[in-house]
Amino acid sequence: MKINLANIKKAKKLLNIRECVAIPTETVYGLAGNAYSDQACKKIFKLKKRPKNNPLIVHYYNYQNLKKDCNFNNNFLKLYKRFCPGPITFVLDLKKNSKISKLVTNKKKTLAVRFPKHPITRYLLKELKFPLAAPSANISKKVSAVCSSHVKEDFGKKIRYILEGGKSSIGLESTIIDLRKKPKILRLGGLDILIIQKVLNKKISIQNNPSKISAPGQLKLHYSPGIPIRLNVKKIKDNEAYVLIKKKNITKPNYYFLSRKGNLKEAAKNLYNTLRKIKKNKYSSIAVCKIPNKGLGKTINDRLLRASKF
């Protein structure tokens, strides 16, 4: 991908004066600000209408930049070497002398960190003297943005700048793993946990529905297009859109296919765009066929279940 240096320069200038900028990542677009600045982080929460008890993920160029903020262990190094940059977020112990804003962590002694793969954002991170706090670039509890037009839909002129980076290649948020003690998954995401388990050579528990929020993506209502969603549906209602995992020889306008042949990777990439498209087309509700509960299918089902709490 060709990097427009003028665009990078504009984003950098705004971030340096504690403004918020939308940035592309391989998972979804992020709403970014200086993670060391209370002022910038306040703007993120305000723009997103995000609950203050929902911590932010901080994005770094590499683990060398992370050393001043977090302690890490062998499990982190194994996963970093195998998957980074990429769609995995690590929850680590925060160092006492870290400059990370307390707004980012909700005053907790832990920090969620990620190393995004998108070449434009990696170039930007390398240019900056601070890491970027960046939740998804959408209104809280709504569908995430996977292209710049989605960001514009949600925020209009409230965001000073959107750094264009095309469509997100994965289309689902990162997998979050807590590595402080015994590894555990706090959010299902764009990286299959079976692959993570192979690298660590151990089974990892999933704890993504805690009584208290410990990581992004754990709200019961989340990823909602703003209309009711029914799951595992075989028969649809009037004025209802029908979402299927695999393309069929049907030309009905209310049928939406997430993939051509039932490929879960392709389905994941198309999920959020499909939900937004259905809402735009003014259907009263969404019916979803049964999605295989394996691999990325588990993540798709997690997103749809939370969206169905509308």
Protein backbone atom coordinates (compact mmCIF):
# COMPACT_ATOMS: atom_id res chain seq x y z
CA MET A 1 0.00 0.00 0.00
CA LYS A 2 1.30 3.42 -0.98
CA ILE A 3 1.74 5.77 1.99
CA ASN A 4 0.72 9.40 1.50
CA LEU A 5 3.27 11.34 3.57
CA ALA A 6 1.16 14.52 3.47
CA ASN A 7 -1.70 12.64 5.15
CA ILE A 8 0.66 11.23 7.78
CA LYS A 9 2.00 14.72 8.44
CA LYS A 10 -1.51 16.13 8.92
CA ALA A 11 -2.51 13.33 11.32
CA LYS A 12 0.73 13.73 13.27
CA LYS A 13 0.25 17.49 13.60
CA LEU A 14 -3.24 17.08 15.05
CA LEU A 15 -2.21 14.28 17.42
CA ASN A 16 0.70 16.40 18.67
CA ILE A 17 -1.76 19.08 19.79
CA ARG A 18 -3.94 16.49 21.61
CA GLU A 19 -6.65 16.23 18.97
CA CYS A 20 -8.34 12.97 17.95
CA VAL A 21 -7.78 11.37 14.56
CA ALA A 22 -9.43 8.31 13.01
CA ILE A 23 -6.82 5.76 11.92
CA PRO A 24 -7.01 2.59 9.81
CA THR A 25 -6.06 -0.79 11.22
CA GLU A 26 -6.33 -4.33 9.88
CA THR A 27 -9.15 -5.05 12.37
CA VAL A 28 -11.39 -1.93 12.37
CA TYR A 29 -10.81 1.83 12.22
CA GLY A 30 -9.69 3.40 15.50
CA LEU A 31 -10.39 6.76 17.15
CA ALA A 32 -6.87 7.74 18.20
CA GLY A 33 -5.36 10.19 20.65
CA ASN A 34 -2.18 10.64 22.67
CA ALA A 35 -2.29 7.93 25.35
CA TYR A 36 -0.17 10.07 27.69
CA SER A 37 -2.61 13.01 27.53
CA ASP A 38 -5.69 13.31 29.76
CA GLN A 39 -6.99 15.99 27.40
CA ALA A 40 -6.79 13.75 24.33
CA CYS A 41 -8.29 10.75 26.15
CA LYS A 42 -11.20 12.83 27.46
CA LYS A 43 -11.99 13.76 23.85
CA ILE A 44 -12.04 10.07 22.84
CA PHE A 45 -14.57 9.19 25.56
CA LYS A 46 -16.70 12.23 24.78
CA LEU A 47 -16.77 11.68 21.01
CA LYS A 48 -17.62 7.98 21.35
CA LYS A 49 -20.06 8.53 24.24
CA ARG A 50 -18.10 5.71 25.85
CA PRO A 51 -18.64 4.62 29.47
CA LYS A 52 -15.65 5.68 31.58
CA ASN A 53 -15.35 2.20 33.10
CA ASN A 54 -14.60 0.73 29.66
CA PRO A 55 -10.77 0.84 29.28
CA LEU A 56 -8.95 1.74 26.07
CA ILE A 57 -6.41 -0.23 24.05
CA VAL A 58 -3.07 1.50 23.50
CA HIS A 59 -1.26 1.04 20.18
CA TYR A 60 2.54 0.88 19.89
CA TYR A 61 4.96 0.56 17.00
CA ASN A 62 6.96 -2.25 18.67
CA TYR A 63 7.68 -3.80 22.06
CA GLN A 64 10.79 -1.66 22.52
CA ASN A 65 8.45 1.35 22.80
CA LEU A 66 6.34 -0.58 25.32
CA LYS A 67 9.18 -1.19 27.79
CA LYS A 68 8.73 2.16 29.54
CA ASP A 69 5.04 1.47 30.25
CA CYS A 70 4.60 -2.25 30.94
CA ASN A 71 6.21 -5.34 32.41
CA PHE A 72 6.04 -8.43 30.23
CA ASN A 73 6.87 -12.13 30.45
CA ASN A 74 7.84 -15.12 28.29
CA ASN A 75 4.26 -15.77 27.17
CA PHE A 76 4.08 -12.22 25.82
CA LEU A 77 7.38 -12.60 23.96
CA LYS A 78 6.27 -15.90 22.39
CA LEU A 79 2.99 -14.44 21.14
CA TYR A 80 4.58 -11.14 20.09
CA LYS A 81 7.18 -12.98 18.00
CA ARG A 82 4.52 -15.13 16.31
CA PHE A 83 1.65 -12.70 15.77
CA CYS A 84 2.86 -9.09 15.91
CA PRO A 85 2.16 -6.81 14.30
CA GLY A 86 -1.35 -8.25 14.12
CA PRO A 87 -4.87 -8.64 15.55
CA ILE A 88 -3.99 -9.54 19.15
CA THR A 89 -4.16 -7.34 22.26
CA PHE A 90 -2.25 -8.14 25.46
CA VAL A 91 -3.30 -7.18 28.98
CA LEU A 92 -0.11 -6.56 30.97
CA ASP A 93 0.99 -5.06 34.29
CA LEU A 94 1.44 -1.31 34.11
CA LYS A 95 4.71 0.11 35.46
CA LYS A 96 4.38 2.52 38.39
CA ASN A 97 6.26 5.30 36.57
CA SER A 98 4.26 4.96 33.32
CA LYS A 99 2.91 8.20 31.81
CA ILE A 100 -0.22 6.48 30.47
CA SER A 101 -3.33 8.53 31.30
CA LYS A 102 -5.41 7.05 34.14
CA LEU A 103 -8.45 7.61 31.92
CA VAL A 104 -7.10 4.90 29.60
CA THR A 105 -6.95 2.25 32.32
CA ASN A 106 -9.90 3.39 34.47
CA LYS A 107 -7.26 3.77 37.22
CA LYS A 108 -6.42 0.05 37.03
CA LYS A 109 -2.84 -1.24 37.30
CA THR A 110 -3.08 -3.01 33.96
CA LEU A 111 -2.85 -1.89 30.35
CA ALA A 112 -4.24 -3.41 27.12
CA VAL A 113 -1.67 -3.02 24.33
CA ARG A 114 -1.58 -3.82 20.63
CA PHE A 115 0.79 -3.56 17.67
CA PRO A 116 -1.37 -2.92 14.58
CA LYS A 117 -0.33 -4.32 11.22
CA HIS A 118 -1.79 -1.69 8.87
CA PRO A 119 1.23 -0.08 7.11
CA ILE A 120 -0.16 3.48 7.28
CA THR A 121 -0.78 3.36 11.02
CA ARG A 122 2.57 1.64 11.61
CA TYR A 123 4.29 4.49 9.77
CA LEU A 124 2.38 7.02 11.87
CA LEU A 125 3.26 5.26 15.16
CA LYS A 126 6.94 5.22 14.20
CA GLU A 127 6.79 9.00 13.64
CA LEU A 128 5.15 9.82 16.98
CA LYS A 129 6.82 10.25 20.38
CA PHE A 130 3.88 8.69 22.21
CA PRO A 131 1.61 5.64 21.82
CA LEU A 132 -1.99 5.99 20.68
CA ALA A 133 -5.06 5.16 22.73
CA ALA A 134 -7.51 4.01 20.07
CA PRO A 135 -10.85 2.29 20.60
CA SER A 136 -12.96 1.55 17.53
CA ALA A 137 -14.03 4.66 15.61
CA ASN A 138 -17.78 4.42 16.17
CA ILE A 139 -20.38 5.57 18.69
CA SER A 140 -20.23 3.34 21.78
CA LYS A 141 -22.32 0.13 21.59
CA LYS A 142 -22.85 0.61 17.84
CA VAL A 143 -21.38 -1.26 14.85
CA SER A 144 -17.63 -0.78 14.37
CA ALA A 145 -16.27 1.07 11.34
CA VAL A 146 -14.30 -0.90 8.73
CA CYS A 147 -13.79 1.97 6.26
CA SER A 148 -13.51 5.74 6.36
CA SER A 149 -17.10 6.27 5.15
CA HIS A 150 -18.38 4.43 8.24
CA VAL A 151 -16.43 6.83 10.46
CA LYS A 152 -17.98 9.79 8.61
CA GLU A 153 -21.46 8.26 9.08
CA ASP A 154 -21.00 8.15 12.84
CA PHE A 155 -19.10 11.36 13.54
CA GLY A 156 -19.52 13.71 10.60
CA LYS A 157 -17.42 16.84 11.22
CA LYS A 158 -16.89 16.10 14.92
CA ILE A 159 -13.58 14.38 14.06
CA ARG A 160 -10.86 16.72 12.84
CA TYR A 161 -9.31 14.20 10.45
CA ILE A 162 -9.72 10.66 9.09
CA LEU A 163 -6.49 9.03 7.93
CA GLU A 164 -7.57 7.10 4.85
CA GLY A 165 -6.38 3.50 4.68
CA GLY A 166 -8.95 1.61 2.62
CA LYS A 167 -11.10 -1.20 4.01
CA SER A 168 -9.96 -3.14 7.08
CA SER A 169 -8.64 -6.51 5.93
CA ILE A 170 -9.95 -8.54 8.90
CA GLY A 171 -13.10 -6.60 9.83
CA LEU A 172 -13.37 -7.75 13.45
CA GLU A 173 -11.67 -6.33 16.54
CA SER A 174 -8.51 -7.89 17.98
CA THR A 175 -8.50 -10.91 20.27
CA ILE A 176 -7.69 -9.81 23.83
CA ILE A 177 -5.60 -12.06 26.07
CA ASP A 178 -4.69 -11.41 29.71
CA LEU A 179 -1.09 -12.55 30.24
CA ARG A 180 -0.48 -11.39 33.81
CA LYS A 181 -0.87 -14.81 35.43
CA LYS A 182 -2.56 -17.79 33.84
CA PRO A 183 -3.43 -16.72 30.26
CA LYS A 184 -7.14 -16.12 29.59
CA ILE A 185 -9.14 -14.70 26.71
CA LEU A 186 -11.06 -11.53 27.62
CA ARG A 187 -12.47 -10.87 24.13
CA LEU A 188 -12.85 -13.13 21.12
CA GLY A 189 -11.50 -11.45 18.02
CA GLY A 190 -9.77 -11.64 14.67
CA LEU A 191 -7.18 -14.20 15.79
CA ASP A 192 -8.43 -17.76 16.42
CA ILE A 193 -7.68 -18.85 20.00
CA LEU A 194 -6.76 -22.35 18.79
CA ILE A 195 -3.70 -20.87 17.07
CA ILE A 196 -2.77 -18.97 20.26
CA GLN A 197 -3.08 -22.20 22.28
CA LYS A 198 -0.72 -23.98 19.89
CA VAL A 199 1.97 -21.33 20.36
CA LEU A 200 1.67 -21.37 24.17
CA ASN A 201 1.19 -25.15 24.20
CA LYS A 202 -1.68 -24.91 26.69
CA LYS A 203 -5.45 -24.62 26.81
CA ILE A 204 -6.72 -21.10 27.47
CA SER A 205 -9.98 -20.29 29.23
CA ILE A 206 -12.44 -17.73 27.83
CA GLN A 207 -13.67 -15.15 30.34
CA ASN A 208 -15.40 -12.56 28.16
CA ASN A 209 -18.55 -12.03 30.24
CA PRO A 210 -17.31 -10.91 33.67
CA SER A 211 -19.48 -9.20 36.30
CA LYS A 212 -17.16 -6.18 36.08
CA ILE A 213 -15.71 -4.94 32.77
CA SER A 214 -12.01 -5.75 32.56
CA ALA A 215 -11.42 -5.19 28.83
CA PRO A 216 -13.07 -3.63 25.77
CA GLY A 217 -15.80 -5.65 24.04
CA GLN A 218 -17.37 -7.06 27.22
CA LEU A 219 -20.53 -4.90 27.35
CA LYS A 220 -23.68 -7.03 27.10
CA LEU A 221 -25.10 -4.67 24.45
CA HIS A 222 -22.48 -3.96 21.82
CA TYR A 223 -21.92 -3.84 18.03
CA SER A 224 -25.61 -2.95 17.50
CA PRO A 225 -26.93 -1.57 14.18
CA GLY A 226 -29.83 -0.06 16.14
CA ILE A 227 -32.55 -2.54 15.12
CA PRO A 228 -33.55 -5.92 16.62
CA ILE A 229 -31.54 -9.02 15.63
CA ARG A 230 -32.80 -12.61 15.81
CA LEU A 231 -30.29 -15.48 15.76
CA ASN A 232 -30.34 -19.05 14.35
CA VAL A 233 -33.39 -18.23 12.19
CA LYS A 234 -34.89 -20.49 9.52
CA LYS A 235 -38.09 -18.55 8.80
CA ILE A 236 -38.06 -14.76 8.45
CA LYS A 237 -40.73 -12.12 9.17
CA ASP A 238 -42.13 -9.36 6.97
CA ASN A 239 -39.77 -6.41 6.34
CA GLU A 240 -36.92 -8.39 7.85
CA ALA A 241 -33.45 -8.71 6.34
CA TYR A 242 -32.00 -12.21 6.24
CA VAL A 243 -28.26 -12.71 6.75
CA LEU A 244 -26.79 -15.99 5.52
CA ILE A 245 -23.26 -17.33 5.87
CA LYS A 246 -23.17 -18.80 2.34
CA LYS A 247 -24.38 -17.42 -1.00
CA LYS A 248 -27.42 -19.15 -2.51
CA ASN A 249 -29.15 -18.89 -5.87
CA ILE A 250 -31.68 -16.41 -4.49
CA THR A 251 -32.13 -12.87 -5.79
CA LYS A 252 -34.44 -11.51 -3.08
CA PRO A 253 -33.40 -7.95 -2.09
CA ASN A 254 -33.71 -8.70 1.64
CA TYR A 255 -31.18 -11.59 1.49
CA TYR A 256 -27.60 -10.69 2.46
CA PHE A 257 -24.70 -13.12 2.09
CA LEU A 258 -21.59 -12.84 4.26
CA SER A 259 -19.48 -15.05 1.96
CA ARG A 260 -19.62 -16.89 -1.32
CA LYS A 261 -18.88 -20.41 -0.05
CA GLY A 262 -19.30 -20.23 3.71
CA ASN A 263 -15.74 -19.04 4.36
CA LEU A 264 -15.64 -17.70 7.95
CA LYS A 265 -12.73 -15.35 7.26
CA GLU A 266 -14.65 -13.72 4.41
CA ALA A 267 -17.83 -13.66 6.52
CA ALA A 268 -16.03 -11.91 9.38
CA LYS A 269 -14.68 -9.27 7.00
CA ASN A 270 -18.17 -8.53 5.65
CA LEU A 271 -20.17 -8.67 8.89
CA TYR A 272 -20.12 -5.03 10.04
CA ASN A 273 -20.53 -3.60 6.55
CA THR A 274 -23.56 -5.87 6.04
CA LEU A 275 -25.19 -4.78 9.31
CA ARG A 276 -24.69 -1.12 8.42
CA LYS A 277 -26.07 -1.66 4.91
CA ILE A 278 -29.22 -3.33 6.27
CA LYS A 279 -29.85 -0.46 8.69
CA LYS A 280 -29.47 2.03 5.80
CA ASN A 281 -32.02 0.06 3.76
CA LYS A 282 -34.56 0.61 6.57
CA TYR A 283 -35.51 -2.96 7.43
CA SER A 284 -37.37 -3.26 10.75
CA SER A 285 -35.23 -6.16 12.00
CA ILE A 286 -32.50 -8.63 11.06
CA ALA A 287 -32.70 -12.41 11.03
CA VAL A 288 -29.44 -14.37 10.99
CA CYS A 289 -29.05 -18.00 9.96
CA LYS A 290 -27.08 -20.40 12.16
CA ILE A 291 -23.36 -19.56 12.03
CA PRO A 292 -20.86 -22.42 12.63
CA ASN A 293 -19.51 -21.96 16.17
CA LYS A 294 -15.87 -22.67 15.34
CA GLY A 295 -12.81 -20.58 14.51
CA LEU A 296 -13.82 -17.04 13.54
CA GLY A 297 -17.42 -18.25 13.67
CA LYS A 298 -17.17 -18.02 17.47
CA THR A 299 -16.22 -14.36 17.18
CA ILE A 300 -19.02 -13.65 14.69
CA ASN A 301 -21.52 -15.32 17.04
CA ASP A 302 -20.18 -13.30 19.98
CA ARG A 303 -20.69 -10.03 18.08
CA LEU A 304 -24.18 -10.98 16.90
CA LEU A 305 -25.26 -12.15 20.37
CA ARG A 306 -24.22 -8.82 21.92
CA ALA A 307 -25.84 -6.89 19.06
CA SER A 308 -29.09 -8.85 19.62
CA LYS A 309 -29.45 -7.36 23.14
CA PHE A 310 -30.84 -4.18 21.52
